[in-house]
Every structure is written in structure tokens, then in C-alpha cells.
Amino acid sequence: MKTTTTLLLLFTMAAMPCLAAKPPEELTKKLTEKIRELHPSATFSVTDEGGFVAKQGTTMFTLHPRVKTGEIGKPYQEEGPDQRGFLLRIRMEIYHGPLVKPQTIKGPYYSTFVTVIPAEDEKHFYRIELSYGSKVKLKERQAILDLLPDGGSKP
């Protein structure tokens, strides 16, 4: 019984994508300063999991995912930026996916630049997602990405 409980606990912990750990304070401080300079009305917060969020001009979108079979899945609500808005999320996670870093995912309403950078313990990663609307200038996006280690490993 003890072995089963231990295995179940280990499996559950390994399956959890997010950890309760804050991104490096120096990084969030630099990002906050730069974003305030570019977008004075931006808001900043820390999630329950310890992640960092900066945003301006966001709204709720109803998205319809595609299933592997090609069918349209059950619609869901997701916060995202409007045409001139952005949404930056940074959170620590155990990376288990085939993410080609970096990459830009183009959705129906906005694009999302995704990358990961290694955490200090070298066992975890900080997942960074910068979603932006179609009218956000390239130099504004680049100013934020330039603050990331290795420029977020820009494409």
C-alpha cells in the first residue's frame, strides 16, 4: 500500500505542469520597468502558482479547438490581447513537451511567442508566453524580448 501511495504521489507531482515558484526577481523588475515605459497603463500581477503576469488591452475570447481527428472541440473561454494589447505570462514548470523553442503560435485573434529558459536549479524551466495583437509594433515586442536571457532565444 505504501509503495502504491508513493508511486501515485510521484506520478501526480510529475504530471503537474506548474510549480509554486516565482520567476527571478531581477527579470520581473526589468520587465516591469520596460513595460511601464512602453505601456504606462499596463497592469501587473502574481498568480496563485507564483507566476508573473503583465497585460494591457485584454479581453475574453471564445475559442474552438481542433481535435486530432479534425473535428471542432468544445469551445472554451481564454483571456487574450485585443489588436493593440499584449499579455505576458511567466511561470515555472517541469518541461515535458516537444516545444521547439522559440516559436510563434498564430491563433485566430492574436499571436503568441513561446519560449522556455532554464531555472537556477537546472531541473525546471520558466515558460514565457508573450501574446500580442496584430497592431502591436515589432520594436515594442522586441524591447520586451531583449530583456530575457539570450533574448528569449529569438528566432
C-alpha atoms as a PDB file:
ATOM      1  CA  MET A   1       0.000   0.000   0.000  1.00  0.00           C
ATOM      2  CA  LYS A   2       2.806   2.387   0.911  1.00  0.00           C
ATOM      3  CA  THR A   3       4.523   1.760  -2.442  1.00  0.00           C
ATOM      4  CA  THR A   4       1.288   2.382  -4.342  1.00  0.00           C
ATOM      5  CA  THR A   5       0.699   5.637  -2.454  1.00  0.00           C
ATOM      6  CA  THR A   6       4.275   6.770  -3.065  1.00  0.00           C
ATOM      7  CA  LEU A   7       4.056   5.971  -6.789  1.00  0.00           C
ATOM      8  CA  LEU A   8       0.717   7.737  -7.067  1.00  0.00           C
ATOM      9  CA  LEU A   9       2.151  10.808  -5.325  1.00  0.00           C
ATOM     10  CA  LEU A  10       5.230  10.843  -7.584  1.00  0.00           C
ATOM     11  CA  PHE A  11       3.083  10.445 -10.705  1.00  0.00           C
ATOM     12  CA  THR A  12       0.804  13.279  -9.604  1.00  0.00           C
ATOM     13  CA  MET A  13       3.752  15.576  -8.922  1.00  0.00           C
ATOM     14  CA  ALA A  14       5.355  14.768 -12.288  1.00  0.00           C
ATOM     15  CA  ALA A  15       2.082  15.439 -14.107  1.00  0.00           C
ATOM     16  CA  MET A  16       1.694  18.908 -12.595  1.00  0.00           C
ATOM     17  CA  PRO A  17       2.880  21.422 -15.203  1.00  0.00           C
ATOM     18  CA  CYS A  18       3.160  24.457 -12.916  1.00  0.00           C
ATOM     19  CA  LEU A  19       5.077  24.842  -9.701  1.00  0.00           C
ATOM     20  CA  ALA A  20       4.619  27.407  -6.984  1.00  0.00           C
ATOM     21  CA  ALA A  21       7.800  29.357  -7.672  1.00  0.00           C
ATOM     22  CA  LYS A  22       8.275  32.934  -8.716  1.00  0.00           C
ATOM     23  CA  PRO A  23      10.348  33.903 -11.736  1.00  0.00           C
ATOM     24  CA  PRO A  24      13.661  35.629 -10.915  1.00  0.00           C
ATOM     25  CA  GLU A  25      13.008  38.966  -9.214  1.00  0.00           C
ATOM     26  CA  GLU A  26      15.652  40.738 -11.301  1.00  0.00           C
ATOM     27  CA  LEU A  27      13.935  39.616 -14.516  1.00  0.00           C
ATOM     28  CA  THR A  28      10.450  40.671 -13.404  1.00  0.00           C
ATOM     29  CA  LYS A  29      11.790  44.023 -12.191  1.00  0.00           C
ATOM     30  CA  LYS A  30      13.443  44.757 -15.569  1.00  0.00           C
ATOM     31  CA  LEU A  31      10.327  43.654 -17.446  1.00  0.00           C
ATOM     32  CA  THR A  32       8.063  45.784 -15.243  1.00  0.00           C
ATOM     33  CA  GLU A  33      10.213  48.878 -15.801  1.00  0.00           C
ATOM     34  CA  LYS A  34      10.366  48.406 -19.580  1.00  0.00           C
ATOM     35  CA  ILE A  35       6.655  47.624 -19.920  1.00  0.00           C
ATOM     36  CA  ARG A  36       5.717  50.674 -17.810  1.00  0.00           C
ATOM     37  CA  GLU A  37       7.882  52.778 -20.101  1.00  0.00           C
ATOM     38  CA  LEU A  38       6.204  51.383 -23.242  1.00  0.00           C
ATOM     39  CA  HIS A  39       2.664  50.993 -21.816  1.00  0.00           C
ATOM     40  CA  PRO A  40       2.008  53.186 -18.739  1.00  0.00           C
ATOM     41  CA  SER A  41      -1.498  51.760 -18.266  1.00  0.00           C
ATOM     42  CA  ALA A  42      -0.335  48.112 -18.139  1.00  0.00           C
ATOM     43  CA  THR A  43      -1.258  46.062 -15.068  1.00  0.00           C
ATOM     44  CA  PHE A  44       0.947  43.552 -13.256  1.00  0.00           C
ATOM     45  CA  SER A  45       0.073  40.625 -11.006  1.00  0.00           C
ATOM     46  CA  VAL A  46       1.329  37.399  -9.483  1.00  0.00           C
ATOM     47  CA  THR A  47      -0.750  34.252  -9.989  1.00  0.00           C
ATOM     48  CA  ASP A  48      -1.673  31.767  -7.274  1.00  0.00           C
ATOM     49  CA  GLU A  49       1.074  29.496  -8.618  1.00  0.00           C
ATOM     50  CA  GLY A  50       3.654  32.282  -8.281  1.00  0.00           C
ATOM     51  CA  GLY A  51       3.766  33.237 -11.959  1.00  0.00           C
ATOM     52  CA  PHE A  52       4.210  36.790 -13.260  1.00  0.00           C
ATOM     53  CA  VAL A  53       1.573  38.405 -15.492  1.00  0.00           C
ATOM     54  CA  ALA A  54       1.694  41.768 -17.284  1.00  0.00           C
ATOM     55  CA  LYS A  55      -1.115  42.879 -19.544  1.00  0.00           C
ATOM     56  CA  GLN A  56      -2.849  45.711 -21.312  1.00  0.00           C
ATOM     57  CA  GLY A  57      -5.847  45.711 -23.613  1.00  0.00           C
ATOM     58  CA  THR A  58      -7.021  42.156 -22.988  1.00  0.00           C
ATOM     59  CA  THR A  59     -10.449  40.623 -23.434  1.00  0.00           C
ATOM     60  CA  MET A  60     -12.091  37.204 -23.143  1.00  0.00           C
ATOM     61  CA  PHE A  61     -12.252  35.189 -26.371  1.00  0.00           C
ATOM     62  CA  THR A  62     -14.318  32.107 -27.125  1.00  0.00           C
ATOM     63  CA  LEU A  63     -12.058  29.651 -28.899  1.00  0.00           C
ATOM     64  CA  HIS A  64     -12.989  26.456 -30.727  1.00  0.00           C
ATOM     65  CA  PRO A  65     -10.093  23.971 -30.616  1.00  0.00           C
ATOM     66  CA  ARG A  66      -9.402  21.432 -33.340  1.00  0.00           C
ATOM     67  CA  VAL A  67      -9.254  17.822 -32.210  1.00  0.00           C
ATOM     68  CA  LYS A  68      -6.644  15.449 -33.704  1.00  0.00           C
ATOM     69  CA  THR A  69      -9.369  13.900 -35.845  1.00  0.00           C
ATOM     70  CA  GLY A  70     -10.038  17.287 -37.445  1.00  0.00           C
ATOM     71  CA  GLU A  71     -13.315  17.836 -35.630  1.00  0.00           C
ATOM     72  CA  ILE A  72     -14.057  21.020 -33.743  1.00  0.00           C
ATOM     73  CA  GLY A  73     -13.804  20.529 -29.989  1.00  0.00           C
ATOM     74  CA  LYS A  74     -15.827  22.008 -27.165  1.00  0.00           C
ATOM     75  CA  PRO A  75     -15.489  25.830 -27.079  1.00  0.00           C
ATOM     76  CA  TYR A  76     -13.709  27.417 -24.134  1.00  0.00           C
ATOM     77  CA  GLN A  77     -13.001  30.927 -22.838  1.00  0.00           C
ATOM     78  CA  GLU A  78      -9.467  32.345 -22.808  1.00  0.00           C
ATOM     79  CA  GLU A  79      -8.105  35.780 -21.993  1.00  0.00           C
ATOM     80  CA  GLY A  80      -6.058  37.313 -24.773  1.00  0.00           C
ATOM     81  CA  PRO A  81      -4.964  40.667 -26.165  1.00  0.00           C
ATOM     82  CA  ASP A  82      -7.037  42.818 -28.480  1.00  0.00           C
ATOM     83  CA  GLN A  83      -5.451  44.321 -31.618  1.00  0.00           C
ATOM     84  CA  ARG A  84      -3.280  46.796 -29.698  1.00  0.00           C
ATOM     85  CA  GLY A  85      -2.942  44.794 -26.470  1.00  0.00           C
ATOM     86  CA  PHE A  86      -0.494  42.274 -25.052  1.00  0.00           C
ATOM     87  CA  LEU A  87      -0.390  39.587 -22.379  1.00  0.00           C
ATOM     88  CA  LEU A  88       2.919  38.399 -20.895  1.00  0.00           C
ATOM     89  CA  ARG A  89       2.961  35.288 -18.691  1.00  0.00           C
ATOM     90  CA  ILE A  90       5.973  33.742 -16.984  1.00  0.00           C
ATOM     91  CA  ARG A  91       5.686  30.619 -14.843  1.00  0.00           C
ATOM     92  CA  MET A  92       7.904  27.811 -13.658  1.00  0.00           C
ATOM     93  CA  GLU A  93       7.161  24.310 -14.861  1.00  0.00           C
ATOM     94  CA  ILE A  94       8.641  20.901 -15.338  1.00  0.00           C
ATOM     95  CA  TYR A  95       9.129  20.795 -19.085  1.00  0.00           C
ATOM     96  CA  HIS A  96       7.814  17.557 -20.603  1.00  0.00           C
ATOM     97  CA  GLY A  97       6.792  18.587 -24.083  1.00  0.00           C
ATOM     98  CA  PRO A  98       8.244  18.708 -27.570  1.00  0.00           C
ATOM     99  CA  LEU A  99       8.314  22.508 -27.653  1.00  0.00           C
ATOM    100  CA  VAL A 100      10.559  23.828 -30.374  1.00  0.00           C
ATOM    101  CA  LYS A 101      11.922  26.930 -28.776  1.00  0.00           C
ATOM    102  CA  PRO A 102      11.252  29.571 -29.560  1.00  0.00           C
ATOM    103  CA  GLN A 103       8.150  29.518 -31.663  1.00  0.00           C
ATOM    104  CA  THR A 104       5.280  31.812 -32.522  1.00  0.00           C
ATOM    105  CA  ILE A 105       1.821  30.312 -32.454  1.00  0.00           C
ATOM    106  CA  LYS A 106      -0.621  32.165 -34.666  1.00  0.00           C
ATOM    107  CA  GLY A 107      -4.183  31.967 -33.436  1.00  0.00           C
ATOM    108  CA  PRO A 108      -7.377  33.342 -34.931  1.00  0.00           C
ATOM    109  CA  TYR A 109      -7.288  36.559 -32.862  1.00  0.00           C
ATOM    110  CA  TYR A 110      -3.687  37.052 -31.753  1.00  0.00           C
ATOM    111  CA  SER A 111      -0.202  35.520 -31.923  1.00  0.00           C
ATOM    112  CA  THR A 112       1.791  34.086 -29.006  1.00  0.00           C
ATOM    113  CA  PHE A 113       5.582  33.927 -28.821  1.00  0.00           C
ATOM    114  CA  VAL A 114       6.544  30.966 -26.599  1.00  0.00           C
ATOM    115  CA  THR A 115       9.948  30.030 -25.216  1.00  0.00           C
ATOM    116  CA  VAL A 116      11.463  28.420 -22.159  1.00  0.00           C
ATOM    117  CA  ILE A 117      14.558  29.377 -20.203  1.00  0.00           C
ATOM    118  CA  PRO A 118      16.245  27.130 -17.638  1.00  0.00           C
ATOM    119  CA  ALA A 119      15.693  27.885 -13.959  1.00  0.00           C
ATOM    120  CA  GLU A 120      18.536  28.217 -11.483  1.00  0.00           C
ATOM    121  CA  ASP A 121      18.206  24.574 -10.354  1.00  0.00           C
ATOM    122  CA  GLU A 122      18.617  23.379 -13.979  1.00  0.00           C
ATOM    123  CA  LYS A 123      15.776  20.864 -13.444  1.00  0.00           C
ATOM    124  CA  HIS A 124      12.884  23.222 -14.096  1.00  0.00           C
ATOM    125  CA  PHE A 125      12.109  25.848 -16.698  1.00  0.00           C
ATOM    126  CA  TYR A 126      10.429  29.216 -16.889  1.00  0.00           C
ATOM    127  CA  ARG A 127       7.798  29.153 -19.614  1.00  0.00           C
ATOM    128  CA  ILE A 128       7.412  32.581 -21.184  1.00  0.00           C
ATOM    129  CA  GLU A 129       4.404  33.434 -23.333  1.00  0.00           C
ATOM    130  CA  LEU A 130       4.049  36.840 -24.961  1.00  0.00           C
ATOM    131  CA  SER A 131       0.665  37.153 -26.672  1.00  0.00           C
ATOM    132  CA  TYR A 132       0.132  40.262 -28.780  1.00  0.00           C
ATOM    133  CA  GLY A 133      -2.418  41.778 -31.097  1.00  0.00           C
ATOM    134  CA  SER A 134      -1.866  42.436 -34.783  1.00  0.00           C
ATOM    135  CA  LYS A 135      -1.255  46.169 -34.294  1.00  0.00           C
ATOM    136  CA  VAL A 136       1.472  45.872 -31.623  1.00  0.00           C
ATOM    137  CA  LYS A 137       4.694  47.169 -33.147  1.00  0.00           C
ATOM    138  CA  LEU A 138       7.611  44.810 -33.672  1.00  0.00           C
ATOM    139  CA  LYS A 139      10.021  47.131 -31.829  1.00  0.00           C
ATOM    140  CA  GLU A 140       7.749  47.072 -28.738  1.00  0.00           C
ATOM    141  CA  ARG A 141       7.694  43.265 -28.724  1.00  0.00           C
ATOM    142  CA  GLN A 142      11.429  43.148 -29.331  1.00  0.00           C
ATOM    143  CA  ALA A 143      12.120  45.557 -26.440  1.00  0.00           C
ATOM    144  CA  ILE A 144      10.446  43.091 -24.072  1.00  0.00           C
ATOM    145  CA  LEU A 145      12.132  40.012 -25.581  1.00  0.00           C
ATOM    146  CA  ASP A 146      15.556  41.665 -25.389  1.00  0.00           C
ATOM    147  CA  LEU A 147      15.287  41.637 -21.587  1.00  0.00           C
ATOM    148  CA  LEU A 148      15.017  37.836 -21.483  1.00  0.00           C
ATOM    149  CA  PRO A 149      18.163  35.721 -21.115  1.00  0.00           C
ATOM    150  CA  ASP A 150      19.578  35.174 -24.615  1.00  0.00           C
ATOM    151  CA  GLY A 151      16.806  37.435 -25.898  1.00  0.00           C
ATOM    152  CA  GLY A 152      14.390  34.565 -25.302  1.00  0.00           C
ATOM    153  CA  SER A 153      16.452  32.622 -27.880  1.00  0.00           C
ATOM    154  CA  LYS A 154      14.930  34.722 -30.633  1.00  0.00           C
ATOM    155  CA  PRO A 155      14.138  33.011 -33.907  1.00  0.00           C
END
